[in-house]
């Protein structure tokens, strides 16, 4: 269907807006926005700049229904000449959508335009027609990349940061080995501190300050860390120390304690990639609101079926509310509301009260030590 005009209400959740623009590819786009959504409009206009599409923006007062109706009736007079108009109703307030589609109907009766009201179904990834006659699954949604989703919310991946999930796929086996030995390895590393780089340089190798020998479990962990590619040229100096060259970690002890979890998440997703992933990274730095200095590291961040997928990874003795609130806040900041899947991968038991709180926040929980941790992660991520 050839679209002359696509009309969209702008809100803080910009994903449906950009999906509709990319899917319908109209000759004209009309953005209806309020003062509160002005910044979102700027991000959308920066992200969508096709040469063959003319854009205009209508500022409205959504808090005053009478004023809103009058403004739209006046502005919609430009829609003439028996044109085809699609009004996308997924974003904006209910008042904007109801008054907007009604105004469009009235104008179209005068101008003999073809008018369709559509909404985006986040589950089926289809656009459904709701007006004039309801019809499901009429058009398949175009898929946004992770960079797209971040850009329309004012963020971007810092250049060179993160580990691509597709490159982590080949390291799934050693990562899975670290997962299976996590409890024993965590116990073996409990209270252990590795010497500083200056101390290692003086002695010629790294050593554990409060332990004379490197036991078998720690040795296996270091070997797995090398197999993953986090370090290279690992060499043991008897039972007392080890040397290595850093790749993406300068502290393999910390990697064995916690950092491996984010790579495991990426490797699991890559292992089961069904073709719907549009970018995914472990340990990725994201600049928030376009400010290079204001950045945040995400343990895993990806895009799948026009949803932001965010998993935080914590190997701490006792989980509190802080990690849950952190996940809740960060997912909204870089991915808007609603169109996201977010959770916490943890390695310790969580009290029932916190489990209930996580459910209220829609923060999914996966215990990495559970035998079916891989299956849980996939299921809770919508795979």
Protein backbone atom coordinates (compact mmCIF):
# COMPACT_ATOMS: atom_id res chain seq x y z
CA UNK A 1 0.00 0.00 0.00
CA UNK A 2 1.40 3.36 -1.05
CA UNK A 3 1.21 5.89 1.79
CA UNK A 4 0.99 9.62 1.14
CA UNK A 5 0.93 10.73 4.79
CA UNK A 6 1.92 9.01 8.02
CA UNK A 7 0.74 10.83 11.13
CA UNK A 8 2.33 9.95 14.46
CA UNK A 9 1.93 11.11 18.04
CA UNK A 10 5.31 11.60 19.72
CA UNK A 11 5.98 10.43 23.27
CA UNK A 12 8.92 9.34 25.42
CA UNK A 13 8.64 5.85 23.92
CA UNK A 14 10.01 6.36 20.42
CA UNK A 15 10.47 2.78 19.24
CA UNK A 16 6.99 2.40 17.65
CA UNK A 17 7.44 5.78 15.92
CA UNK A 18 10.65 4.86 14.14
CA UNK A 19 9.39 1.34 13.36
CA UNK A 20 6.29 2.80 11.67
CA UNK A 21 8.34 5.30 9.66
CA UNK A 22 10.75 2.60 8.47
CA UNK A 23 7.90 0.17 7.74
CA UNK A 24 5.46 2.39 5.83
CA UNK A 25 8.01 4.66 4.13
CA UNK A 26 5.51 7.47 3.45
CA UNK A 27 5.95 10.47 1.18
CA UNK A 28 5.15 12.76 4.10
CA UNK A 29 5.43 12.36 7.88
CA UNK A 30 3.53 14.54 10.32
CA UNK A 31 4.78 14.43 13.91
CA UNK A 32 2.24 15.57 16.51
CA UNK A 33 4.09 16.57 19.65
CA UNK A 34 3.75 18.48 22.91
CA UNK A 35 6.26 20.64 24.75
CA UNK A 36 6.97 17.63 26.97
CA UNK A 37 7.91 15.45 23.98
CA UNK A 38 9.96 18.05 22.11
CA UNK A 39 13.27 16.34 22.88
CA UNK A 40 11.91 12.98 21.68
CA UNK A 41 10.87 14.65 18.43
CA UNK A 42 14.41 15.94 17.88
CA UNK A 43 15.86 12.46 18.39
CA UNK A 44 13.35 10.96 15.94
CA UNK A 45 14.04 13.57 13.28
CA UNK A 46 17.78 12.97 13.66
CA UNK A 47 17.30 9.22 13.24
CA UNK A 48 14.89 9.35 10.30
CA UNK A 49 16.10 11.40 7.34
CA UNK A 50 15.07 9.74 4.06
CA UNK A 51 15.58 11.91 1.00
CA UNK A 52 12.15 11.14 -0.48
CA UNK A 53 10.09 12.00 2.63
CA UNK A 54 9.01 15.47 3.65
CA UNK A 55 8.51 16.02 7.38
CA UNK A 56 6.60 18.53 9.44
CA UNK A 57 5.80 18.81 13.14
CA UNK A 58 2.61 20.06 14.76
CA UNK A 59 2.84 21.39 18.30
CA UNK A 60 -0.36 20.75 20.30
CA UNK A 61 -1.69 21.14 23.82
CA UNK A 62 -2.71 17.59 24.78
CA UNK A 63 -3.99 18.73 28.19
CA UNK A 64 -6.79 20.81 26.69
CA UNK A 65 -9.12 18.62 24.57
CA UNK A 66 -11.02 21.55 23.01
CA UNK A 67 -7.81 23.33 21.97
CA UNK A 68 -6.34 20.06 20.72
CA UNK A 69 -9.38 19.35 18.55
CA UNK A 70 -9.41 22.86 17.09
CA UNK A 71 -5.67 22.76 16.32
CA UNK A 72 -5.86 19.40 14.57
CA UNK A 73 -8.97 20.27 12.54
CA UNK A 74 -7.21 23.37 11.23
CA UNK A 75 -3.91 21.70 10.47
CA UNK A 76 -5.49 18.65 8.80
CA UNK A 77 -6.94 20.85 6.08
CA UNK A 78 -3.68 20.29 4.20
CA UNK A 79 -4.69 16.65 3.71
CA UNK A 80 -6.57 16.97 0.44
CA UNK A 81 -6.56 15.52 -3.05
CA UNK A 82 -7.82 12.00 -2.30
CA UNK A 83 -4.64 11.00 -0.50
CA UNK A 84 -3.97 7.86 1.57
CA UNK A 85 -3.34 8.65 5.23
CA UNK A 86 -2.18 6.29 8.00
CA UNK A 87 -2.55 7.51 11.57
CA UNK A 88 -0.27 5.52 13.88
CA UNK A 89 -1.88 5.39 17.32
CA UNK A 90 0.64 3.41 19.41
CA UNK A 91 2.34 6.44 20.97
CA UNK A 92 1.15 9.59 22.67
CA UNK A 93 -1.71 9.97 25.11
CA UNK A 94 -5.12 8.36 24.68
CA UNK A 95 -6.63 11.83 24.34
CA UNK A 96 -4.29 12.63 21.44
CA UNK A 97 -5.14 9.37 19.69
CA UNK A 98 -8.92 9.55 20.15
CA UNK A 99 -9.27 13.19 19.16
CA UNK A 100 -6.68 12.85 16.39
CA UNK A 101 -8.35 9.93 14.61
CA UNK A 102 -11.79 11.55 14.95
CA UNK A 103 -10.52 14.81 13.43
CA UNK A 104 -8.93 12.86 10.60
CA UNK A 105 -12.18 11.04 9.87
CA UNK A 106 -14.11 14.30 9.65
CA UNK A 107 -11.57 15.91 7.33
CA UNK A 108 -11.35 12.81 5.17
CA UNK A 109 -15.10 12.75 4.63
CA UNK A 110 -14.80 16.24 3.19
CA UNK A 111 -11.70 15.51 1.10
CA UNK A 112 -12.53 11.89 0.12
CA UNK A 113 -9.23 10.61 1.52
CA UNK A 114 -8.46 7.03 2.39
CA UNK A 115 -7.77 6.90 6.13
CA UNK A 116 -6.45 4.06 8.28
CA UNK A 117 -5.78 3.97 12.01
CA UNK A 118 -3.07 1.46 12.97
CA UNK A 119 -1.34 0.21 16.11
CA UNK A 120 1.86 -1.78 16.53
CA UNK A 121 1.52 -5.20 18.18
CA UNK A 122 4.74 -5.68 20.14
CA UNK A 123 4.28 -9.46 20.42
CA UNK A 124 3.47 -10.34 16.81
CA UNK A 125 5.63 -7.54 15.37
CA UNK A 126 2.81 -6.63 13.02
CA UNK A 127 0.74 -3.51 12.50
CA UNK A 128 -2.99 -4.01 13.12
CA UNK A 129 -5.63 -1.83 11.50
CA UNK A 130 -8.15 -0.52 14.04
CA UNK A 131 -10.01 1.90 11.79
CA UNK A 132 -12.14 2.01 9.69
CA UNK A 133 -12.41 -1.80 9.87
CA UNK A 134 -10.37 -3.87 12.31
CA UNK A 135 -7.89 -6.26 10.76
CA UNK A 136 -4.97 -8.00 12.45
CA UNK A 137 -1.43 -8.52 11.16
CA UNK A 138 -1.68 -6.37 8.06
CA UNK A 139 1.97 -5.31 7.76
CA UNK A 140 5.16 -6.82 9.23
CA UNK A 141 7.28 -4.44 11.29
CA UNK A 142 10.75 -3.48 10.13
CA UNK A 143 13.37 -4.34 12.74
CA UNK A 144 15.42 -1.63 14.45
CA UNK A 145 19.05 -2.15 15.35
CA UNK A 146 20.48 -1.60 18.82
CA UNK A 147 22.08 1.60 17.55
CA UNK A 148 18.67 2.78 16.29
CA UNK A 149 16.99 2.19 19.65
CA UNK A 150 19.74 3.98 21.53
CA UNK A 151 19.83 6.91 19.10
CA UNK A 152 16.12 7.72 19.34
CA UNK A 153 16.50 7.91 23.12
CA UNK A 154 19.53 10.17 22.95
CA UNK A 155 22.23 7.58 23.63
CA UNK A 156 24.97 5.81 21.70
CA UNK A 157 27.57 3.08 22.14
CA UNK A 158 31.01 4.47 22.87
CA UNK A 159 33.35 3.71 20.00
CA UNK A 160 35.33 0.51 20.46
CA UNK A 161 33.56 -0.63 23.63
CA UNK A 162 31.83 -3.94 24.24
CA UNK A 163 32.27 -7.50 23.02
CA UNK A 164 30.06 -8.58 20.14
CA UNK A 165 27.84 -11.52 21.10
CA UNK A 166 28.55 -13.22 17.78
CA UNK A 167 32.27 -13.29 18.58
CA UNK A 168 31.53 -14.74 22.03
CA UNK A 169 29.68 -17.72 20.55
CA UNK A 170 32.88 -19.69 19.94
CA UNK A 171 33.79 -19.29 23.62
CA UNK A 172 30.57 -20.80 24.95
CA UNK A 173 32.23 -24.05 26.15
CA UNK A 174 34.84 -22.47 28.48
CA UNK A 175 32.25 -19.94 29.66
CA UNK A 176 29.87 -22.76 30.46
CA UNK A 177 32.71 -24.49 32.34
CA UNK A 178 33.16 -21.37 34.48
CA UNK A 179 29.42 -21.35 35.12
CA UNK A 180 29.42 -24.98 36.25
CA UNK A 181 32.38 -24.48 38.57
CA UNK A 182 31.20 -21.08 39.84
CA UNK A 183 30.35 -22.09 43.39
CA UNK A 184 33.59 -23.98 43.97
CA UNK A 185 35.64 -21.28 42.27
CA UNK A 186 33.92 -18.50 44.25
CA UNK A 187 34.72 -20.37 47.48
CA UNK A 188 38.34 -20.84 46.38
CA UNK A 189 38.66 -17.13 45.56
CA UNK A 190 36.94 -15.94 48.73
CA UNK A 191 39.11 -13.31 50.40
CA UNK A 192 41.90 -13.67 47.87
CA UNK A 193 43.67 -10.58 46.55
CA UNK A 194 46.01 -10.57 43.61
CA UNK A 195 49.13 -8.42 43.82
CA UNK A 196 49.34 -5.10 42.00
CA UNK A 197 50.89 -4.68 38.56
CA UNK A 198 53.89 -2.92 40.11
CA UNK A 199 54.42 -5.81 42.54
CA UNK A 200 54.10 -8.29 39.67
CA UNK A 201 56.60 -6.34 37.62
CA UNK A 202 59.09 -6.41 40.49
CA UNK A 203 58.77 -10.17 41.00
CA UNK A 204 58.25 -11.13 37.38
CA UNK A 205 54.78 -12.62 37.82
CA UNK A 206 51.47 -12.16 39.62
CA UNK A 207 50.93 -13.86 42.97
CA UNK A 208 48.16 -14.13 45.53
CA UNK A 209 48.94 -12.02 48.57
CA UNK A 210 47.22 -14.13 51.19
CA UNK A 211 47.74 -17.57 49.71
CA UNK A 212 51.07 -19.25 49.15
CA UNK A 213 50.02 -21.55 46.33
CA UNK A 214 47.64 -21.45 43.39
CA UNK A 215 45.34 -24.41 43.92
CA UNK A 216 43.88 -26.64 41.24
CA UNK A 217 40.51 -24.87 41.09
CA UNK A 218 42.06 -21.42 40.56
CA UNK A 219 44.39 -22.85 37.95
CA UNK A 220 41.46 -24.31 36.02
CA UNK A 221 39.68 -20.98 36.24
CA UNK A 222 42.67 -19.13 34.80
CA UNK A 223 42.96 -21.66 31.98
CA UNK A 224 39.28 -21.21 31.14
CA UNK A 225 39.74 -17.42 31.22
CA UNK A 226 42.47 -17.80 28.60
CA UNK A 227 40.31 -20.16 26.50
CA UNK A 228 37.60 -17.49 26.47
CA UNK A 229 40.11 -14.97 25.13
CA UNK A 230 40.01 -12.59 28.08
CA UNK A 231 43.78 -13.09 28.51
CA UNK A 232 46.53 -14.75 26.51
CA UNK A 233 50.01 -16.22 26.96
CA UNK A 234 49.13 -17.59 30.40
CA UNK A 235 52.14 -19.11 32.16
CA UNK A 236 52.38 -20.61 35.63
CA UNK A 237 55.50 -20.00 37.70
CA UNK A 238 55.47 -23.18 39.71
CA UNK A 239 52.71 -23.14 42.32
CA UNK A 240 53.42 -19.58 43.43
CA UNK A 241 52.32 -17.32 40.59
CA UNK A 242 51.29 -16.74 37.01
CA UNK A 243 51.89 -14.29 34.18
CA UNK A 244 49.69 -13.30 31.23
CA UNK A 245 48.93 -10.66 28.65
CA UNK A 246 45.65 -8.79 28.96
CA UNK A 247 43.11 -8.90 26.14
CA UNK A 248 39.86 -7.50 27.54
CA UNK A 249 40.61 -7.83 31.23
CA UNK A 250 43.64 -6.76 33.22
CA UNK A 251 42.53 -8.73 36.28
CA UNK A 252 41.69 -12.38 35.57
CA UNK A 253 40.79 -12.96 39.23
CA UNK A 254 37.98 -10.41 38.95
CA UNK A 255 36.97 -11.95 35.65
CA UNK A 256 36.63 -15.37 37.25
CA UNK A 257 34.63 -13.94 40.13
CA UNK A 258 32.07 -11.92 38.20
CA UNK A 259 32.92 -10.56 34.75
CA UNK A 260 32.62 -13.92 32.97
CA UNK A 261 28.84 -13.81 33.56
CA UNK A 262 28.24 -11.02 31.07
CA UNK A 263 30.20 -12.88 28.39
CA UNK A 264 28.24 -16.05 29.17
CA UNK A 265 24.96 -14.18 28.60
CA UNK A 266 26.18 -12.94 25.20
CA UNK A 267 27.44 -16.39 24.23
CA UNK A 268 24.12 -18.03 25.15
CA UNK A 269 22.17 -15.59 22.99
CA UNK A 270 24.59 -16.05 20.08
CA UNK A 271 24.39 -19.84 20.41
CA UNK A 272 20.61 -19.69 20.03
CA UNK A 273 20.44 -16.81 17.55
CA UNK A 274 17.24 -17.15 15.51
CA UNK A 275 18.05 -14.31 13.13
CA UNK A 276 16.07 -11.71 15.07
CA UNK A 277 18.99 -10.18 16.97
CA UNK A 278 19.99 -6.77 15.62
CA UNK A 279 23.10 -6.20 17.68
CA UNK A 280 24.18 -7.39 21.10
CA UNK A 281 27.22 -6.62 23.27
CA UNK A 282 28.66 -7.65 26.61
CA UNK A 283 30.48 -5.10 28.78
CA UNK A 284 29.44 -2.17 26.60
CA UNK A 285 29.79 1.52 27.46
CA UNK A 286 26.85 3.73 26.46
CA UNK A 287 26.90 7.54 26.42
CA UNK A 288 23.68 8.76 28.02
CA UNK A 289 21.68 11.64 26.49
CA UNK A 290 24.45 12.37 24.01
CA UNK A 291 26.94 13.32 26.71
CA UNK A 292 30.28 11.60 26.18
CA UNK A 293 31.31 12.19 29.79
CA UNK A 294 28.03 10.75 31.13
CA UNK A 295 28.35 7.07 30.28
CA UNK A 296 27.23 3.81 31.82
CA UNK A 297 28.50 0.28 31.38
CA UNK A 298 25.91 -2.37 30.61
CA UNK A 299 26.77 -6.00 31.30
CA UNK A 300 24.71 -7.08 28.29
CA UNK A 301 22.72 -4.89 25.95
CA UNK A 302 21.05 -5.99 22.74
CA UNK A 303 18.09 -5.50 20.41
CA UNK A 304 15.66 -8.19 19.33
CA UNK A 305 12.25 -7.80 17.71
CA UNK A 306 12.22 -4.06 18.37
CA UNK A 307 12.82 -4.53 22.08
CA UNK A 308 15.83 -3.50 24.12
CA UNK A 309 17.28 -6.53 25.94
CA UNK A 310 19.29 -5.64 29.04
CA UNK A 311 20.79 -8.02 31.59
CA UNK A 312 22.80 -6.97 34.62
CA UNK A 313 25.15 -9.56 36.16
CA UNK A 314 26.01 -9.64 39.87
CA UNK A 315 27.95 -12.23 41.87
CA UNK A 316 27.42 -10.82 45.35
CA UNK A 317 26.72 -12.58 48.64
CA UNK A 318 23.43 -10.80 49.31
CA UNK A 319 21.26 -9.14 46.69
CA UNK A 320 19.52 -5.97 47.87
CA UNK A 321 17.02 -3.66 46.23
CA UNK A 322 19.80 -1.50 44.72
CA UNK A 323 20.57 -3.78 41.72
CA UNK A 324 16.85 -4.09 40.95
CA UNK A 325 16.31 -0.33 40.96
CA UNK A 326 19.44 0.13 38.84
CA UNK A 327 18.08 -2.20 36.16
CA UNK A 328 14.68 -0.49 36.29
CA UNK A 329 16.16 2.99 35.88
CA UNK A 330 18.76 2.26 33.22
CA UNK A 331 16.46 0.34 30.88
CA UNK A 332 14.05 3.30 30.75
CA UNK A 333 16.87 5.80 30.28
CA UNK A 334 18.36 4.17 27.18
CA UNK A 335 15.34 2.31 25.79
CA UNK A 336 12.23 4.23 26.75
CA UNK A 337 9.26 2.60 28.43
CA UNK A 338 7.49 -0.69 27.67
CA UNK A 339 9.55 -1.96 24.74
CA UNK A 340 12.25 -3.68 26.74
CA UNK A 341 13.19 -6.92 28.47
CA UNK A 342 15.46 -6.51 31.46
CA UNK A 343 16.74 -8.71 34.23
CA UNK A 344 19.38 -9.63 36.76
CA UNK A 345 21.66 -12.66 36.47
CA UNK A 346 22.79 -13.53 39.99
CA UNK A 347 24.81 -16.28 41.65
CA UNK A 348 23.36 -16.30 45.17
CA UNK A 349 19.91 -17.00 46.57
CA UNK A 350 17.47 -14.08 46.75
CA UNK A 351 14.97 -13.53 49.54
CA UNK A 352 11.27 -14.03 48.64
CA UNK A 353 10.50 -10.37 49.37
CA UNK A 354 13.02 -9.23 46.75
CA UNK A 355 11.69 -11.77 44.25
CA UNK A 356 8.23 -10.23 44.67
CA UNK A 357 9.68 -6.72 44.28
CA UNK A 358 11.50 -7.75 41.11
CA UNK A 359 8.23 -9.07 39.71
CA UNK A 360 6.48 -5.76 40.44
CA UNK A 361 9.30 -3.92 38.65
CA UNK A 362 9.20 -6.42 35.77
CA UNK A 363 12.85 -7.27 36.37
CA UNK A 364 13.45 -10.92 35.46
CA UNK A 365 15.74 -13.08 37.64
CA UNK A 366 18.08 -15.90 36.61
CA UNK A 367 20.27 -17.84 39.06
CA UNK A 368 23.38 -18.63 37.04
CA UNK A 369 24.11 -21.62 39.27
CA UNK A 370 20.81 -23.32 38.47
CA UNK A 371 21.18 -26.43 36.26
CA UNK A 372 18.72 -24.91 33.76
CA UNK A 373 20.19 -21.38 33.85
CA UNK A 374 20.64 -21.32 30.07
CA UNK A 375 17.01 -22.30 29.48
CA UNK A 376 15.81 -19.74 32.04
CA UNK A 377 17.77 -16.96 30.37
CA UNK A 378 16.35 -17.78 26.96
CA UNK A 379 12.78 -18.14 28.16
CA UNK A 380 12.80 -14.93 30.20
CA UNK A 381 14.32 -13.06 27.26
CA UNK A 382 11.47 -14.07 24.98
CA UNK A 383 13.38 -16.68 22.98
